[in-house]
Amino acid sequence: MNVFQYAFTAEENWKANLADMTDWRPQYTFYSDFGIAEFCEVYMHDRNAVLSTYRNVIKNWASDYKALTEIILVLNHKIWAFYNRVDSGYMKVSNQIADYFAKLYNKLYEQAVAEFFKRYENNPTATDYYYRVTD
């Protein structure tokens, strides 16, 4: 499987899981963006690809509460997907690498949630949207 097949397969799985749980649909390509970064870390030995992707999406999208909410959803699902060996199965990586990604995504998820509330805690429109989408 190449990088684009992996990113597409992982994102389509995410969308299918969302469709089973909610009528909300993603508006951005963050899931694929992180999938490409994961592939680069594993197969191209770019050890900071996921962290670099996270920094870029936060820098460029955190000022949009809907985008930041979606980033948080992606990070949350990435934790689950690697912990349960879903995305790592698509990429055919070891449990050790899956655990690394699950822990990394957990750390980034916590940072993104803190960033959201730092920016939007006094914005009822943003927080209502966040709670409606993430609940």
C-alpha atoms as a PDB file:
ATOM      1  CA  MET A   1       0.000   0.000   0.000  1.00  0.00           C
ATOM      2  CA  ASN A   2       1.368   3.421  -0.874  1.00  0.00           C
ATOM      3  CA  VAL A   3       1.010   6.613   1.142  1.00  0.00           C
ATOM      4  CA  PHE A   4      -2.082   7.814  -0.715  1.00  0.00           C
ATOM      5  CA  GLN A   5      -3.850   4.468  -0.532  1.00  0.00           C
ATOM      6  CA  TYR A   6      -3.172   4.315   3.187  1.00  0.00           C
ATOM      7  CA  ALA A   7      -4.350   7.871   3.842  1.00  0.00           C
ATOM      8  CA  PHE A   8      -7.483   7.340   1.734  1.00  0.00           C
ATOM      9  CA  THR A   9      -8.320   3.981   3.339  1.00  0.00           C
ATOM     10  CA  ALA A  10      -7.831   5.304   6.872  1.00  0.00           C
ATOM     11  CA  GLU A  11      -9.916   8.423   6.188  1.00  0.00           C
ATOM     12  CA  GLU A  12     -12.720   6.435   4.555  1.00  0.00           C
ATOM     13  CA  ASN A  13     -12.816   4.174   7.622  1.00  0.00           C
ATOM     14  CA  TRP A  14     -13.046   7.252   9.840  1.00  0.00           C
ATOM     15  CA  LYS A  15     -15.889   8.672   7.766  1.00  0.00           C
ATOM     16  CA  ALA A  16     -17.745   5.342   7.881  1.00  0.00           C
ATOM     17  CA  ASN A  17     -17.369   5.214  11.672  1.00  0.00           C
ATOM     18  CA  LEU A  18     -18.675   8.765  11.964  1.00  0.00           C
ATOM     19  CA  ALA A  19     -21.637   7.955   9.720  1.00  0.00           C
ATOM     20  CA  ASP A  20     -22.551   5.116  12.084  1.00  0.00           C
ATOM     21  CA  MET A  21     -22.542   7.474  15.087  1.00  0.00           C
ATOM     22  CA  THR A  22     -23.689  10.900  13.927  1.00  0.00           C
ATOM     23  CA  ASP A  23     -25.022  12.984  11.062  1.00  0.00           C
ATOM     24  CA  TRP A  24     -22.022  15.346  11.331  1.00  0.00           C
ATOM     25  CA  ARG A  25     -19.570  15.087   8.397  1.00  0.00           C
ATOM     26  CA  PRO A  26     -15.933  16.230   8.138  1.00  0.00           C
ATOM     27  CA  GLN A  27     -15.229  19.403   6.196  1.00  0.00           C
ATOM     28  CA  TYR A  28     -11.436  19.141   5.963  1.00  0.00           C
ATOM     29  CA  THR A  29      -8.716  16.626   5.076  1.00  0.00           C
ATOM     30  CA  PHE A  30      -7.035  16.506   8.477  1.00  0.00           C
ATOM     31  CA  TYR A  31      -7.404  12.731   8.807  1.00  0.00           C
ATOM     32  CA  SER A  32      -5.580  12.183   5.520  1.00  0.00           C
ATOM     33  CA  ASP A  33      -3.008  14.831   6.402  1.00  0.00           C
ATOM     34  CA  PHE A  34      -2.100  12.942   9.570  1.00  0.00           C
ATOM     35  CA  GLY A  35      -2.192   9.633   7.674  1.00  0.00           C
ATOM     36  CA  ILE A  36       0.379  10.923   5.204  1.00  0.00           C
ATOM     37  CA  ALA A  37       2.529  12.096   8.122  1.00  0.00           C
ATOM     38  CA  GLU A  38       2.303   8.668   9.800  1.00  0.00           C
ATOM     39  CA  PHE A  39       3.391   6.980   6.600  1.00  0.00           C
ATOM     40  CA  CYS A  40       6.316   9.427   6.296  1.00  0.00           C
ATOM     41  CA  GLU A  41       7.409   8.681   9.859  1.00  0.00           C
ATOM     42  CA  VAL A  42       7.356   4.930   9.330  1.00  0.00           C
ATOM     43  CA  TYR A  43       8.542   4.463   5.763  1.00  0.00           C
ATOM     44  CA  MET A  44      10.472   7.628   4.989  1.00  0.00           C
ATOM     45  CA  HIS A  45      12.031   7.904   8.468  1.00  0.00           C
ATOM     46  CA  ASP A  46      10.815  11.476   9.013  1.00  0.00           C
ATOM     47  CA  ARG A  47      10.584  11.162  12.806  1.00  0.00           C
ATOM     48  CA  ASN A  48       8.757  14.455  13.287  1.00  0.00           C
ATOM     49  CA  ALA A  49       6.190  14.267  10.491  1.00  0.00           C
ATOM     50  CA  VAL A  50       3.124  13.886  12.729  1.00  0.00           C
ATOM     51  CA  LEU A  51       4.273  16.574  15.153  1.00  0.00           C
ATOM     52  CA  SER A  52       5.100  18.892  12.257  1.00  0.00           C
ATOM     53  CA  THR A  53       1.683  18.262  10.712  1.00  0.00           C
ATOM     54  CA  TYR A  54       0.025  18.989  14.054  1.00  0.00           C
ATOM     55  CA  ARG A  55       1.920  22.259  14.431  1.00  0.00           C
ATOM     56  CA  ASN A  56       0.979  23.301  10.904  1.00  0.00           C
ATOM     57  CA  VAL A  57      -2.726  22.547  11.257  1.00  0.00           C
ATOM     58  CA  ILE A  58      -2.890  24.318  14.622  1.00  0.00           C
ATOM     59  CA  LYS A  59      -1.003  27.320  13.264  1.00  0.00           C
ATOM     60  CA  ASN A  60      -3.194  27.586  10.178  1.00  0.00           C
ATOM     61  CA  TRP A  61      -6.587  26.434  11.436  1.00  0.00           C
ATOM     62  CA  ALA A  62      -6.953  27.005  15.196  1.00  0.00           C
ATOM     63  CA  SER A  63      -8.465  30.442  14.594  1.00  0.00           C
ATOM     64  CA  ASP A  64     -11.505  28.644  13.117  1.00  0.00           C
ATOM     65  CA  TYR A  65     -13.425  26.913  15.902  1.00  0.00           C
ATOM     66  CA  LYS A  66     -15.089  24.470  13.509  1.00  0.00           C
ATOM     67  CA  ALA A  67     -11.739  23.416  12.046  1.00  0.00           C
ATOM     68  CA  LEU A  68     -10.179  23.101  15.499  1.00  0.00           C
ATOM     69  CA  THR A  69     -13.115  20.976  16.616  1.00  0.00           C
ATOM     70  CA  GLU A  70     -12.538  18.681  13.645  1.00  0.00           C
ATOM     71  CA  ILE A  71      -8.813  18.485  14.418  1.00  0.00           C
ATOM     72  CA  ILE A  72      -9.722  17.384  17.947  1.00  0.00           C
ATOM     73  CA  LEU A  73     -12.083  14.738  16.564  1.00  0.00           C
ATOM     74  CA  VAL A  74      -9.374  13.454  14.233  1.00  0.00           C
ATOM     75  CA  LEU A  75      -6.823  13.248  17.030  1.00  0.00           C
ATOM     76  CA  ASN A  76      -9.305  11.437  19.263  1.00  0.00           C
ATOM     77  CA  HIS A  77     -10.102   8.917  16.563  1.00  0.00           C
ATOM     78  CA  LYS A  78      -6.392   8.449  15.793  1.00  0.00           C
ATOM     79  CA  ILE A  79      -5.821   7.467  19.438  1.00  0.00           C
ATOM     80  CA  TRP A  80      -8.586   4.883  19.166  1.00  0.00           C
ATOM     81  CA  ALA A  81      -7.493   3.680  15.705  1.00  0.00           C
ATOM     82  CA  PHE A  82      -3.930   2.979  16.793  1.00  0.00           C
ATOM     83  CA  TYR A  83      -4.816   1.642  20.227  1.00  0.00           C
ATOM     84  CA  ASN A  84      -7.204  -0.836  18.591  1.00  0.00           C
ATOM     85  CA  ARG A  85      -4.745  -1.623  15.777  1.00  0.00           C
ATOM     86  CA  VAL A  86      -7.017  -0.386  12.977  1.00  0.00           C
ATOM     87  CA  ASP A  87      -4.827   2.175  11.184  1.00  0.00           C
ATOM     88  CA  SER A  88      -1.672   0.263  12.096  1.00  0.00           C
ATOM     89  CA  GLY A  89      -3.243  -2.781  10.444  1.00  0.00           C
ATOM     90  CA  TYR A  90      -3.820  -0.820   7.242  1.00  0.00           C
ATOM     91  CA  MET A  91      -0.225   0.377   7.334  1.00  0.00           C
ATOM     92  CA  LYS A  92       1.111  -3.027   8.436  1.00  0.00           C
ATOM     93  CA  VAL A  93       3.241  -1.810  11.315  1.00  0.00           C
ATOM     94  CA  SER A  94       4.209  -3.409  14.604  1.00  0.00           C
ATOM     95  CA  ASN A  95       2.334  -3.067  17.870  1.00  0.00           C
ATOM     96  CA  GLN A  96       5.256  -1.017  19.162  1.00  0.00           C
ATOM     97  CA  ILE A  97       4.744   1.562  16.412  1.00  0.00           C
ATOM     98  CA  ALA A  98       0.970   1.496  16.974  1.00  0.00           C
ATOM     99  CA  ASP A  99       1.546   2.201  20.676  1.00  0.00           C
ATOM    100  CA  TYR A 100       3.908   5.054  19.796  1.00  0.00           C
ATOM    101  CA  PHE A 101       1.252   6.685  17.598  1.00  0.00           C
ATOM    102  CA  ALA A 102      -1.530   6.136  20.150  1.00  0.00           C
ATOM    103  CA  LYS A 103       0.538   7.855  22.854  1.00  0.00           C
ATOM    104  CA  LEU A 104       1.627  10.662  20.526  1.00  0.00           C
ATOM    105  CA  TYR A 105      -1.943  11.315  19.423  1.00  0.00           C
ATOM    106  CA  ASN A 106      -3.119  11.301  23.037  1.00  0.00           C
ATOM    107  CA  LYS A 107      -0.581  13.998  23.880  1.00  0.00           C
ATOM    108  CA  LEU A 108      -1.567  16.064  20.831  1.00  0.00           C
ATOM    109  CA  TYR A 109      -5.266  15.599  21.593  1.00  0.00           C
ATOM    110  CA  GLU A 110      -4.793  16.985  25.101  1.00  0.00           C
ATOM    111  CA  GLN A 111      -2.875  19.957  23.700  1.00  0.00           C
ATOM    112  CA  ALA A 112      -5.552  20.648  21.067  1.00  0.00           C
ATOM    113  CA  VAL A 113      -8.385  20.529  23.626  1.00  0.00           C
ATOM    114  CA  ALA A 114      -6.459  22.949  25.852  1.00  0.00           C
ATOM    115  CA  GLU A 115      -5.891  25.207  22.838  1.00  0.00           C
ATOM    116  CA  PHE A 116      -9.597  25.147  22.009  1.00  0.00           C
ATOM    117  CA  PHE A 117     -10.653  26.227  25.482  1.00  0.00           C
ATOM    118  CA  LYS A 118      -7.893  28.814  25.736  1.00  0.00           C
ATOM    119  CA  ARG A 119      -9.215  30.419  22.559  1.00  0.00           C
ATOM    120  CA  TYR A 120     -12.945  29.853  22.846  1.00  0.00           C
ATOM    121  CA  GLU A 121     -13.965  29.361  26.488  1.00  0.00           C
ATOM    122  CA  ASN A 122     -15.867  32.655  26.414  1.00  0.00           C
ATOM    123  CA  ASN A 123     -17.442  32.063  23.016  1.00  0.00           C
ATOM    124  CA  PRO A 124     -20.780  30.289  23.481  1.00  0.00           C
ATOM    125  CA  THR A 125     -21.223  29.707  19.753  1.00  0.00           C
ATOM    126  CA  ALA A 126     -17.868  27.912  19.557  1.00  0.00           C
ATOM    127  CA  THR A 127     -18.304  25.906  22.741  1.00  0.00           C
ATOM    128  CA  ASP A 128     -21.873  24.910  21.839  1.00  0.00           C
ATOM    129  CA  TYR A 129     -20.604  23.695  18.467  1.00  0.00           C
ATOM    130  CA  TYR A 130     -17.710  21.821  20.114  1.00  0.00           C
ATOM    131  CA  TYR A 131     -19.960  20.029  22.601  1.00  0.00           C
ATOM    132  CA  ARG A 132     -22.599  19.224  19.999  1.00  0.00           C
ATOM    133  CA  VAL A 133     -20.062  17.734  17.576  1.00  0.00           C
ATOM    134  CA  THR A 134     -17.835  15.940  20.073  1.00  0.00           C
ATOM    135  CA  ASP A 135     -20.544  14.512  22.333  1.00  0.00           C
END
